Protein backbone atom coordinates (compact mmCIF):
# COMPACT_ATOMS: atom_id res chain seq x y z
CA UNK A 1 82.80 -45.56 -26.68
CA UNK A 2 83.06 -43.83 -30.19
CA UNK A 3 80.88 -47.41 -31.32
CA UNK A 4 78.48 -46.74 -29.06
CA UNK A 5 77.67 -43.14 -29.48
CA UNK A 6 77.40 -43.80 -33.02
CA UNK A 7 74.55 -46.68 -32.44
CA UNK A 8 72.65 -44.18 -30.54
CA UNK A 9 73.05 -41.58 -32.95
CA UNK A 10 71.64 -44.18 -35.48
CA UNK A 11 68.95 -45.58 -33.05
CA UNK A 12 67.54 -42.25 -31.64
CA UNK A 13 65.40 -41.09 -34.97
CA UNK A 14 64.09 -44.40 -35.29
CA UNK A 15 62.90 -44.51 -32.26
CA UNK A 16 61.37 -41.47 -32.19
CA UNK A 17 59.64 -41.85 -35.29
CA UNK A 18 58.21 -44.71 -34.00
CA UNK A 19 57.00 -42.67 -30.65
CA UNK A 20 55.63 -40.06 -33.48
CA UNK A 21 53.54 -42.92 -35.44
CA UNK A 22 52.30 -44.38 -31.99
CA UNK A 23 50.56 -41.16 -31.44
CA UNK A 24 49.42 -40.77 -34.40
CA UNK A 25 47.50 -44.00 -34.55
CA UNK A 26 46.36 -43.72 -31.38
CA UNK A 27 44.58 -39.72 -32.38
CA UNK A 28 43.45 -41.84 -35.19
CA UNK A 29 41.75 -44.60 -33.02
CA UNK A 30 40.41 -41.33 -30.48
CA UNK A 31 38.44 -40.05 -33.46
CA UNK A 32 37.39 -43.28 -34.75
CA UNK A 33 35.90 -44.60 -31.29
CA UNK A 34 33.43 -41.11 -31.16
CA UNK A 35 29.91 -42.21 -31.02
CA UNK A 36 28.08 -40.73 -34.09
CA UNK A 37 24.78 -39.94 -31.60
CA UNK A 38 26.81 -38.22 -29.40
CA UNK A 39 28.03 -35.71 -32.33
CA UNK A 40 23.83 -35.40 -33.53
CA UNK A 41 23.07 -34.38 -30.02
CA UNK A 42 25.98 -31.07 -29.93
CA UNK A 43 24.43 -29.77 -33.50
CA UNK A 44 20.86 -30.35 -32.14
CA UNK A 45 21.80 -28.07 -29.35
CA UNK A 46 24.41 -25.86 -30.87
CA UNK A 47 21.04 -25.30 -32.94
CA UNK A 48 18.49 -24.97 -30.02
CA UNK A 49 20.65 -22.17 -28.61
CA UNK A 50 21.48 -20.65 -31.72
CA UNK A 51 16.77 -20.64 -32.77
CA UNK A 52 16.88 -19.74 -28.58
CA UNK A 53 19.31 -16.18 -29.30
CA UNK A 54 18.06 -15.51 -32.31
CA UNK A 55 13.92 -15.23 -30.05
CA UNK A 56 15.90 -13.29 -28.18
CA UNK A 57 17.12 -10.68 -29.88
CA UNK A 58 13.79 -11.21 -32.09
CA UNK A 59 11.82 -10.42 -28.34
CA UNK A 60 14.52 -7.60 -27.93
CA UNK A 61 13.38 -5.66 -30.78
CA UNK A 62 9.95 -5.88 -30.79
CA UNK A 63 10.22 -4.14 -26.63
CA UNK A 64 12.70 -1.59 -28.27
CA UNK A 65 9.65 -0.58 -30.81
CA UNK A 66 7.24 -0.89 -28.23
CA UNK A 67 8.92 1.98 -26.33
CA UNK A 68 9.93 3.88 -29.51
CA UNK A 69 6.14 3.68 -30.10
CA UNK A 70 5.51 4.99 -26.76
CA UNK A 71 7.67 7.52 -26.82
CA UNK A 72 6.36 9.36 -30.39
CA UNK A 73 3.27 9.04 -28.22
CA UNK A 74 4.58 11.61 -25.32
CA UNK A 75 5.88 14.03 -28.18
CA UNK A 76 3.03 13.64 -30.12
CA UNK A 77 1.06 14.71 -27.01
CA UNK A 78 3.66 17.16 -25.65
CA UNK A 79 3.50 18.45 -29.39
CA UNK A 80 -0.14 18.87 -29.49
CA UNK A 81 0.20 20.86 -25.81
CA UNK A 82 2.56 22.55 -26.43
CA UNK A 83 0.53 23.99 -29.64
CA UNK A 84 -2.53 24.74 -27.67
CA UNK A 85 -0.53 26.34 -25.12
CA UNK A 86 0.69 28.62 -27.88
CA UNK A 87 -2.16 28.91 -29.34
CA UNK A 88 -3.40 30.61 -25.73
CA UNK A 89 -0.62 32.37 -25.39
CA UNK A 90 -0.52 34.18 -28.54
CA UNK A 91 -4.33 34.70 -27.90
CA UNK A 92 -3.03 36.53 -25.00
CA UNK A 93 -0.35 38.60 -26.35
CA UNK A 94 -2.95 39.98 -28.72
CA UNK A 95 -5.24 41.02 -26.44
CA UNK A 96 -2.41 42.69 -24.57
CA UNK A 97 -1.33 44.29 -27.74
CA UNK A 98 -4.88 45.38 -28.53
CA UNK A 99 -5.10 46.82 -24.97
CA UNK A 100 -1.60 48.95 -25.33
CA UNK A 101 -2.76 50.00 -28.75
CA UNK A 102 -6.22 51.63 -26.99
CA UNK A 103 -4.32 52.77 -24.44
CA UNK A 104 -1.89 54.82 -26.88
CA UNK A 105 1.06 52.89 -26.30
CA UNK A 106 1.83 51.85 -29.99
CA UNK A 107 2.80 54.44 -32.88
CA UNK A 108 -0.04 53.64 -35.88
CA UNK A 109 0.11 54.15 -39.12
CA UNK A 110 -2.83 53.78 -41.50
CA UNK A 111 -5.69 55.29 -44.02
CA UNK A 112 -7.38 58.54 -43.03
CA UNK A 113 -7.06 62.22 -43.17
CA UNK A 114 -5.30 65.45 -41.05
CA UNK A 115 -7.48 68.34 -40.36
CA UNK A 116 -5.20 71.87 -40.02
CA UNK A 117 -6.37 74.51 -38.41
CA UNK A 118 -6.01 78.03 -38.15
CA UNK A 119 -6.61 81.75 -37.45
CA UNK A 120 -7.00 83.23 -40.78
CA UNK A 121 -4.65 86.08 -40.05
CA UNK A 122 -2.32 83.49 -38.23
CA UNK A 123 -4.28 84.97 -34.86
CA UNK A 124 -4.19 82.74 -31.73
CA UNK A 125 -7.32 81.06 -31.58
CA UNK A 126 -6.61 78.92 -28.65
CA UNK A 127 -9.47 80.93 -26.23
CA UNK A 128 -12.27 80.57 -28.94
CA UNK A 129 -11.33 76.40 -29.72
CA UNK A 130 -11.62 76.00 -25.89
CA UNK A 131 -14.42 78.46 -25.32
CA UNK A 132 -16.52 76.83 -28.39
CA UNK A 133 -15.21 73.57 -27.52
CA UNK A 134 -14.87 72.93 -31.03
CA UNK A 135 -11.64 70.43 -30.62
CA UNK A 136 -13.38 68.10 -28.38
CA UNK A 137 -16.74 68.20 -30.38
CA UNK A 138 -14.38 67.39 -33.76
CA UNK A 139 -12.91 65.09 -31.65
CA UNK A 140 -15.72 63.42 -30.20
CA UNK A 141 -17.64 63.66 -33.82
CA UNK A 142 -14.14 61.77 -35.13
CA UNK A 143 -14.34 58.98 -32.80
CA UNK A 144 -18.43 58.69 -33.87
CA UNK A 145 -17.59 58.66 -37.77
CA UNK A 146 -14.83 56.44 -38.31
CA UNK A 147 -11.99 57.76 -37.25
CA UNK A 148 -10.25 55.13 -35.05
CA UNK A 149 -7.10 56.63 -33.92
CA UNK A 150 -6.73 60.93 -32.89
CA UNK A 151 -3.67 62.89 -32.32
CA UNK A 152 -3.52 66.37 -32.06
CA UNK A 153 -0.22 67.88 -32.88
CA UNK A 154 1.31 64.93 -32.14
CA UNK A 155 -0.05 64.24 -28.57
CA UNK A 156 -2.50 60.91 -28.89
CA UNK A 157 -6.16 61.20 -27.97
CA UNK A 158 -6.78 58.22 -25.70
CA UNK A 159 -9.76 58.03 -23.11
CA UNK A 160 -7.96 59.21 -20.49
CA UNK A 161 -6.92 62.77 -22.28
CA UNK A 162 -7.95 66.06 -21.53
CA UNK A 163 -8.57 68.81 -23.48
CA UNK A 164 -7.80 72.51 -21.63
CA UNK A 165 -7.33 75.99 -21.92
CA UNK A 166 -4.10 77.09 -20.08
CA UNK A 167 -3.44 81.13 -20.08
CA UNK A 168 -2.62 81.40 -24.19
CA UNK A 169 -2.99 78.03 -25.22
CA UNK A 170 -4.89 74.81 -24.77
CA UNK A 171 -3.04 71.54 -22.73
CA UNK A 172 -3.29 67.70 -23.91
CA UNK A 173 -2.35 65.27 -21.89
CA UNK A 174 -0.74 68.53 -19.68
CA UNK A 175 1.25 69.36 -22.85
CA UNK A 176 1.10 72.99 -24.37
CA UNK A 177 0.04 72.85 -27.68
CA UNK A 178 -0.27 75.87 -29.78
CA UNK A 179 -1.61 77.04 -33.39
CA UNK A 180 -2.05 75.76 -36.11
CA UNK A 181 -4.25 72.49 -34.77
CA UNK A 182 -3.24 69.66 -36.81
CA UNK A 183 -5.92 66.58 -36.41
CA UNK A 184 -4.76 63.01 -37.44
CA UNK A 185 -6.75 60.67 -37.58
CA UNK A 186 -7.03 57.15 -38.84
CA UNK A 187 -9.94 55.04 -39.71
CA UNK A 188 -12.86 54.43 -42.29
CA UNK A 189 -12.31 56.57 -45.39
CA UNK A 190 -15.68 56.28 -46.49
CA UNK A 191 -16.98 57.51 -43.34
CA UNK A 192 -15.05 59.55 -42.96
CA UNK A 193 -15.54 61.35 -45.96
CA UNK A 194 -19.41 61.36 -45.71
CA UNK A 195 -18.97 63.00 -42.13
CA UNK A 196 -16.66 65.62 -43.34
CA UNK A 197 -19.58 66.52 -46.51
CA UNK A 198 -22.73 65.88 -45.29
CA UNK A 199 -23.02 65.03 -41.13
CA UNK A 200 -21.49 68.27 -39.35
CA UNK A 201 -21.69 71.31 -39.22
CA UNK A 202 -18.71 72.52 -36.98
CA UNK A 203 -16.64 73.36 -39.83
CA UNK A 204 -19.20 76.03 -40.81
CA UNK A 205 -19.31 77.44 -37.29
CA UNK A 206 -14.99 77.55 -37.15
CA UNK A 207 -15.65 79.66 -39.94
CA UNK A 208 -17.48 81.89 -38.63
CA UNK A 209 -15.12 82.41 -35.92
CA UNK A 210 -12.25 83.29 -38.09
CA UNK A 211 -11.06 79.90 -37.89
CA UNK A 212 -9.69 78.48 -41.49
CA UNK A 213 -9.57 74.45 -42.23
CA UNK A 214 -7.93 72.06 -44.44
CA UNK A 215 -8.72 68.63 -45.39
CA UNK A 216 -6.63 65.80 -46.65
CA UNK A 217 -7.22 62.95 -47.23
CA UNK A 218 -3.94 60.25 -46.95
CA UNK A 219 -3.38 56.13 -47.39
CA UNK A 220 -0.97 56.63 -44.38
CA UNK A 221 -1.62 58.60 -41.60
CA UNK A 222 1.22 58.77 -39.04
CA UNK A 223 0.07 58.31 -35.45
CA UNK A 224 2.44 58.52 -32.60
CA UNK A 225 2.20 56.65 -29.17
CA UNK A 226 1.34 58.81 -26.07
CA UNK A 227 4.14 60.80 -24.57
CA UNK A 228 2.34 61.81 -21.25
CA UNK A 229 -0.06 60.44 -19.48
CA UNK A 230 -2.50 61.87 -16.07
CA UNK A 231 -1.02 59.16 -13.58
CA UNK A 232 -3.69 57.84 -12.01
CA UNK A 233 -4.47 58.62 -8.38
CA UNK A 234 -7.35 56.48 -6.67
CA UNK A 235 -6.76 53.35 -8.91
CA UNK A 236 -6.96 50.22 -7.59
CA UNK A 237 -7.46 46.46 -8.98
CA UNK A 238 -8.59 43.87 -7.18
CA UNK A 239 -7.73 39.82 -7.58
CA UNK A 240 -10.39 38.23 -9.50
CA UNK A 241 -12.56 35.40 -7.19
């Protein structure tokens, strides 16, 4: 029994070695039997697939470029349209702001002059000023000769302002004011100076009535916004056709 086992142990390694050599030789035979034309066909197929992939990627890349160009055109068109809208909007804002300034709803500053009127002996000059229409005439003349923005004792003069006598004082914009009357004017200094020197006699007339005047030109005259305005009763807006 032991002799048989020893023979098997000696024979088994040689048997396994033989089987391994046979398998290896079989693989070599398979490689030797591969058709060269088949290998070439596989190489050609692989090359064609790669070329097709390159063409697909190129086409996709071109399509992406076209889409980007189209989007950029849309962005440019949108920015141009927005710029036009911004210009129109800015024009509307400027018109609104200009209207607010003309109506007296914005405080303003600029070159001009300040006129102070008061009685020689601290007299109440309200009656004579109202009776002779000195303030009203002075405001109208100042507007005609370069005055753009005017206030009297801090009350802004607008197209709807009223200057009236109420008892022993004068009302402007329904607000009572008392002397001295301080008239602040923003406007063309050259025209205003020419008006003061050569184109009015109102200051001489007021001096005859005991009213003293002091005129000071300045590069920075402050005119406040209107504080009170007469309410409208019959005004109504109509829609544009």
